[in-house]
Amino acid sequence: MTKYISGKVVSCSSDKTVSVLVKRIYKHPIYGSVIKRSKKFMIHDPQNVCKVGDFIKAKSCAPISKRKSWCLVEDKS
């Protein structure tokens, strides 16, 4: 099953790799308060097209390295 994530590029210092911050908002199951969470993912960018500040969409793929198992689908900006 392929999963998709979308987020903002926060770093592109490595070759063919970008770091993306994915934010999510959900309600607490008991108290109903709104909770904000964020997580950084390493995304494989084979053509080095992403820049810091871009919004991108990525999909899960086979592991490329220890921390990188997501591939770039499209650059939204």
N, C-alpha and C. Protein backbone atom coordinates (compact mmCIF):
# COMPACT_ATOMS: atom_id res chain seq x y z
N MET A 1 0.84 -1.18 0.00
CA MET A 1 0.00 0.00 0.00
C MET A 1 0.89 1.25 0.00
N THR A 2 0.66 2.14 -0.94
CA THR A 2 1.45 3.35 -1.05
C THR A 2 0.84 4.45 -0.18
N LYS A 3 1.67 5.08 0.64
CA LYS A 3 1.24 6.20 1.46
C LYS A 3 1.78 7.48 0.87
N TYR A 4 1.04 8.58 1.05
CA TYR A 4 1.45 9.88 0.55
C TYR A 4 1.53 10.87 1.70
N ILE A 5 2.51 11.76 1.64
CA ILE A 5 2.64 12.85 2.60
C ILE A 5 2.91 14.14 1.83
N SER A 6 2.55 15.25 2.43
CA SER A 6 2.88 16.54 1.83
C SER A 6 3.37 17.46 2.94
N GLY A 7 4.34 18.29 2.60
CA GLY A 7 4.93 19.18 3.59
C GLY A 7 5.83 20.21 2.96
N LYS A 8 6.55 20.93 3.82
CA LYS A 8 7.41 22.04 3.40
C LYS A 8 8.87 21.63 3.51
N VAL A 9 9.65 21.96 2.49
CA VAL A 9 11.08 21.65 2.47
C VAL A 9 11.79 22.60 3.44
N VAL A 10 12.52 22.03 4.40
CA VAL A 10 13.24 22.85 5.38
C VAL A 10 14.75 22.78 5.18
N SER A 11 15.25 21.79 4.44
CA SER A 11 16.68 21.68 4.19
C SER A 11 16.91 20.89 2.92
N CYS A 12 17.90 21.32 2.14
CA CYS A 12 18.29 20.59 0.93
C CYS A 12 19.82 20.61 0.80
N SER A 13 20.50 20.36 1.91
CA SER A 13 21.96 20.45 1.92
C SER A 13 22.65 19.23 1.33
N SER A 14 22.00 18.07 1.35
CA SER A 14 22.60 16.85 0.81
C SER A 14 22.25 16.67 -0.66
N ASP A 15 23.07 15.92 -1.38
CA ASP A 15 22.81 15.65 -2.78
C ASP A 15 21.67 14.63 -2.91
N LYS A 16 20.67 14.95 -3.72
CA LYS A 16 19.51 14.09 -4.00
C LYS A 16 18.67 13.78 -2.77
N THR A 17 18.75 14.62 -1.75
CA THR A 17 17.97 14.42 -0.53
C THR A 17 17.47 15.76 -0.02
N VAL A 18 16.19 15.82 0.36
CA VAL A 18 15.64 17.01 1.00
C VAL A 18 14.98 16.58 2.30
N SER A 19 14.96 17.50 3.26
CA SER A 19 14.30 17.27 4.53
C SER A 19 12.99 18.03 4.52
N VAL A 20 11.89 17.33 4.82
CA VAL A 20 10.55 17.91 4.71
C VAL A 20 9.87 17.86 6.07
N LEU A 21 9.26 18.98 6.47
CA LEU A 21 8.52 19.07 7.71
C LEU A 21 7.04 18.84 7.41
N VAL A 22 6.45 17.81 8.02
CA VAL A 22 5.05 17.48 7.82
C VAL A 22 4.30 17.79 9.11
N LYS A 23 3.30 18.67 9.02
CA LYS A 23 2.51 19.04 10.19
C LYS A 23 1.16 18.35 10.12
N ARG A 24 0.65 17.94 11.29
CA ARG A 24 -0.68 17.35 11.34
C ARG A 24 -1.40 17.87 12.58
N ILE A 25 -2.71 17.99 12.47
CA ILE A 25 -3.54 18.49 13.55
C ILE A 25 -4.64 17.46 13.80
N TYR A 26 -4.85 17.11 15.06
CA TYR A 26 -5.92 16.17 15.39
C TYR A 26 -6.50 16.52 16.75
N LYS A 27 -7.68 15.99 17.03
CA LYS A 27 -8.33 16.22 18.31
C LYS A 27 -7.98 15.10 19.28
N HIS A 28 -7.81 15.46 20.54
CA HIS A 28 -7.56 14.46 21.57
C HIS A 28 -8.81 13.59 21.71
N PRO A 29 -8.65 12.26 21.76
CA PRO A 29 -9.83 11.38 21.75
C PRO A 29 -10.75 11.52 22.96
N ILE A 30 -10.21 11.94 24.11
CA ILE A 30 -11.04 12.06 25.31
C ILE A 30 -11.40 13.51 25.61
N TYR A 31 -10.39 14.39 25.61
CA TYR A 31 -10.62 15.77 26.04
C TYR A 31 -11.08 16.69 24.92
N GLY A 32 -10.87 16.31 23.67
CA GLY A 32 -11.35 17.11 22.55
C GLY A 32 -10.50 18.31 22.22
N SER A 33 -9.38 18.50 22.89
CA SER A 33 -8.52 19.64 22.58
C SER A 33 -7.76 19.38 21.28
N VAL A 34 -7.41 20.45 20.60
CA VAL A 34 -6.69 20.34 19.33
C VAL A 34 -5.20 20.19 19.63
N ILE A 35 -4.58 19.19 19.01
CA ILE A 35 -3.16 18.91 19.23
C ILE A 35 -2.43 19.06 17.91
N LYS A 36 -1.31 19.79 17.92
CA LYS A 36 -0.48 19.99 16.73
C LYS A 36 0.79 19.16 16.88
N ARG A 37 1.12 18.42 15.86
CA ARG A 37 2.34 17.61 15.85
C ARG A 37 3.05 17.83 14.52
N SER A 38 4.37 17.71 14.53
CA SER A 38 5.14 17.82 13.30
C SER A 38 6.26 16.78 13.32
N LYS A 39 6.67 16.37 12.13
CA LYS A 39 7.73 15.37 12.00
C LYS A 39 8.51 15.67 10.74
N LYS A 40 9.83 15.42 10.78
CA LYS A 40 10.67 15.63 9.61
C LYS A 40 10.94 14.30 8.92
N PHE A 41 10.83 14.30 7.60
CA PHE A 41 11.10 13.12 6.79
C PHE A 41 12.21 13.44 5.80
N MET A 42 13.02 12.43 5.47
CA MET A 42 14.02 12.56 4.43
C MET A 42 13.41 12.04 3.13
N ILE A 43 13.44 12.86 2.08
CA ILE A 43 12.81 12.54 0.81
C ILE A 43 13.88 12.42 -0.27
N HIS A 44 13.76 11.40 -1.12
CA HIS A 44 14.69 11.21 -2.25
C HIS A 44 14.27 12.13 -3.39
N ASP A 45 15.17 13.01 -3.82
CA ASP A 45 14.93 13.97 -4.90
C ASP A 45 16.00 13.75 -5.97
N PRO A 46 15.77 12.83 -6.93
CA PRO A 46 16.83 12.45 -7.88
C PRO A 46 17.33 13.57 -8.78
N GLN A 47 16.47 14.54 -9.14
CA GLN A 47 16.90 15.62 -10.04
C GLN A 47 17.32 16.89 -9.30
N ASN A 48 17.28 16.90 -7.97
CA ASN A 48 17.61 18.08 -7.17
C ASN A 48 16.80 19.31 -7.59
N VAL A 49 15.48 19.16 -7.70
CA VAL A 49 14.63 20.26 -8.15
C VAL A 49 14.05 21.07 -6.98
N CYS A 50 14.04 20.53 -5.78
CA CYS A 50 13.42 21.20 -4.64
C CYS A 50 14.34 22.25 -4.04
N LYS A 51 13.71 23.32 -3.54
CA LYS A 51 14.43 24.38 -2.85
C LYS A 51 13.78 24.57 -1.48
N VAL A 52 14.48 25.22 -0.57
CA VAL A 52 13.94 25.48 0.76
C VAL A 52 12.70 26.37 0.63
N GLY A 53 11.63 25.99 1.29
CA GLY A 53 10.38 26.75 1.25
C GLY A 53 9.34 26.17 0.30
N ASP A 54 9.73 25.24 -0.57
CA ASP A 54 8.78 24.61 -1.49
C ASP A 54 7.85 23.67 -0.74
N PHE A 55 6.62 23.54 -1.24
CA PHE A 55 5.69 22.54 -0.74
C PHE A 55 5.70 21.38 -1.71
N ILE A 56 5.88 20.16 -1.19
CA ILE A 56 6.01 18.99 -2.05
C ILE A 56 5.06 17.88 -1.61
N LYS A 57 4.89 16.91 -2.51
CA LYS A 57 4.14 15.70 -2.21
C LYS A 57 5.08 14.53 -2.44
N ALA A 58 5.08 13.56 -1.51
CA ALA A 58 5.97 12.40 -1.61
C ALA A 58 5.19 11.12 -1.36
N LYS A 59 5.73 10.02 -1.86
CA LYS A 59 5.10 8.71 -1.63
C LYS A 59 6.12 7.76 -1.03
N SER A 60 5.62 6.75 -0.34
CA SER A 60 6.51 5.76 0.26
C SER A 60 7.11 4.89 -0.83
N CYS A 61 8.33 4.44 -0.61
CA CYS A 61 9.02 3.58 -1.58
C CYS A 61 9.93 2.63 -0.81
N ALA A 62 10.64 1.80 -1.52
CA ALA A 62 11.58 0.89 -0.88
C ALA A 62 12.69 1.70 -0.21
N PRO A 63 13.23 1.23 0.90
CA PRO A 63 14.28 1.99 1.60
C PRO A 63 15.48 2.27 0.70
N ILE A 64 15.89 3.55 0.68
CA ILE A 64 17.04 3.97 -0.12
C ILE A 64 18.28 4.06 0.77
N SER A 65 18.08 4.45 2.02
CA SER A 65 19.16 4.47 3.00
C SER A 65 18.55 4.22 4.38
N LYS A 66 19.32 4.45 5.43
CA LYS A 66 18.84 4.16 6.78
C LYS A 66 17.60 4.98 7.14
N ARG A 67 17.59 6.27 6.78
CA ARG A 67 16.47 7.15 7.15
C ARG A 67 15.60 7.57 5.98
N LYS A 68 15.94 7.15 4.78
CA LYS A 68 15.24 7.65 3.59
C LYS A 68 14.44 6.54 2.92
N SER A 69 13.09 6.64 3.02
CA SER A 69 12.22 5.66 2.36
C SER A 69 11.01 6.34 1.74
N TRP A 70 11.18 7.60 1.31
CA TRP A 70 10.14 8.37 0.64
C TRP A 70 10.72 8.94 -0.65
N CYS A 71 9.90 8.97 -1.72
CA CYS A 71 10.33 9.50 -3.01
C CYS A 71 9.46 10.68 -3.41
N LEU A 72 10.06 11.65 -4.07
CA LEU A 72 9.36 12.84 -4.51
C LEU A 72 8.36 12.51 -5.61
N VAL A 73 7.13 13.03 -5.49
CA VAL A 73 6.10 12.83 -6.51
C VAL A 73 5.94 14.11 -7.32
N GLU A 74 5.69 15.24 -6.63
CA GLU A 74 5.52 16.51 -7.33
C GLU A 74 5.93 17.68 -6.45
N ASP A 75 6.33 18.75 -7.11
CA ASP A 75 6.67 20.00 -6.44
C ASP A 75 5.49 20.92 -6.63
N LYS A 76 4.80 21.28 -5.54
CA LYS A 76 3.55 22.05 -5.64
C LYS A 76 3.77 23.54 -5.82
N SER A 77 5.01 24.03 -5.59
CA SER A 77 5.21 25.47 -5.72
C SER A 77 6.09 25.82 -6.90
